[in-house]
Protein backbone atom coordinates (compact mmCIF):
# COMPACT_ATOMS: atom_id res chain seq x y z
CA MET A 1 -1.56 10.05 45.80
CA GLY A 2 -0.14 11.03 49.28
CA ARG A 3 2.88 9.87 51.06
CA TRP A 4 3.46 9.74 54.84
CA ILE A 5 6.33 8.80 57.11
CA ALA A 6 5.77 7.14 60.51
CA ILE A 7 8.29 7.03 63.36
CA GLY A 8 7.79 4.62 66.20
CA LYS A 9 8.57 1.14 67.61
CA VAL A 10 7.33 -2.36 67.16
CA PRO A 11 8.06 -4.85 69.89
CA GLY A 12 10.59 -7.45 68.60
CA TRP A 13 11.44 -5.66 65.32
CA ASP A 14 14.81 -4.81 66.66
CA ASP A 15 15.64 -8.51 66.08
CA LEU A 16 16.53 -8.99 62.45
CA ALA A 17 14.95 -12.53 62.18
CA THR A 18 11.59 -11.15 63.58
CA PHE A 19 11.81 -8.06 61.41
CA THR A 20 12.45 -10.33 58.38
CA ASN A 21 9.70 -12.75 59.24
CA GLU A 22 7.14 -9.87 59.74
CA LEU A 23 8.02 -8.02 56.53
CA LYS A 24 9.27 -10.68 54.01
CA THR A 25 6.09 -11.34 51.94
CA THR A 26 4.67 -8.81 49.44
CA ALA A 27 1.26 -9.04 51.14
CA LYS A 28 2.81 -7.28 54.07
CA TRP A 29 3.67 -4.25 51.86
CA ARG A 30 1.01 -4.09 49.21
CA LEU A 31 -2.08 -3.57 51.34
CA ASP A 32 -4.45 -2.96 48.31
CA PRO A 33 -4.01 -1.75 44.81
CA ARG A 34 -3.60 1.90 45.97
CA THR A 35 -1.75 1.50 49.28
CA THR A 36 1.84 0.39 49.51
CA ILE A 37 4.36 0.55 52.48
CA THR A 38 7.45 1.40 50.42
CA GLU A 39 10.16 1.23 53.02
CA VAL A 40 10.70 0.29 56.74
CA ILE A 41 14.02 1.33 58.34
CA ALA A 42 15.22 0.08 61.66
CA LEU A 43 17.30 2.76 63.38
CA ALA A 44 20.12 1.93 65.86
CA ASP A 45 18.16 3.57 68.70
CA GLY A 46 15.37 0.99 68.36
CA ARG A 47 12.86 3.21 66.54
CA LEU A 48 11.62 2.52 63.12
CA LEU A 49 10.69 4.72 60.08
CA ALA A 50 8.02 3.47 57.65
CA GLU A 51 7.04 5.33 54.45
CA CYS A 52 3.62 4.71 52.78
CA HIS A 53 2.02 5.78 49.54
CA ALA A 54 -1.84 5.86 49.72
CA ASN A 55 -4.97 7.84 48.85
CA LYS A 56 -5.55 8.55 52.51
CA GLN A 57 -3.55 8.55 55.80
CA GLU A 58 -6.26 6.35 57.41
CA ASP A 59 -5.08 3.40 55.28
CA PHE A 60 -1.52 3.80 56.62
CA ASP A 61 -2.89 4.25 60.15
CA ALA A 62 -4.75 0.84 59.91
CA TRP A 63 -1.56 -0.91 58.86
CA LEU A 64 0.46 0.75 61.76
CA GLN A 65 -2.23 -0.48 64.25
CA LYS A 66 -2.45 -3.98 62.69
CA THR A 67 1.33 -4.45 62.96
CA GLY A 68 1.60 -3.27 66.45
CA TRP A 69 3.41 0.05 66.04
CA GLN A 70 3.78 2.28 69.08
CA VAL A 71 3.53 5.45 66.94
CA GLU A 72 5.47 8.64 67.88
CA SER A 73 4.31 10.47 64.77
CA VAL A 74 2.85 10.25 61.26
CA THR A 75 3.67 13.13 59.09
CA PRO A 76 2.78 13.88 55.31
CA ILE A 77 5.82 14.08 53.06
CA LYS A 78 6.15 17.33 51.25
CA HIS A 79 9.25 16.96 49.02
CA VAL A 80 11.57 13.98 48.18
CA ALA A 81 15.21 13.87 46.98
CA ARG A 82 16.71 10.50 46.19
CA THR A 83 19.94 10.00 44.23
CA GLY A 84 19.74 13.43 42.56
CA GLU A 85 16.10 13.23 41.64
CA ILE A 86 13.91 15.75 43.39
CA TRP A 87 10.08 16.06 43.32
CA LYS A 88 7.08 17.59 44.99
CA VAL A 89 4.57 15.11 46.56
CA GLY A 90 0.92 15.46 46.12
């Protein structure tokens, strides 16, 4: 299973209420049994980061398009380190 990170902007998501409304329900994150948006981070400069686990990037690309992302980049994730745990992806 691959992982990707997207950087970009979504109009209105700099507002916490809109951000919450758009992402609150599980259906917004779990696109199908093999595709999950695991995290969306709003940066202070107005850009967003989103991480996706999926079989193919096209599934993530479809979610980005559906949610109105103005995508700067989508990049595969190679390695991950979180709270002392480190692993290779893919």
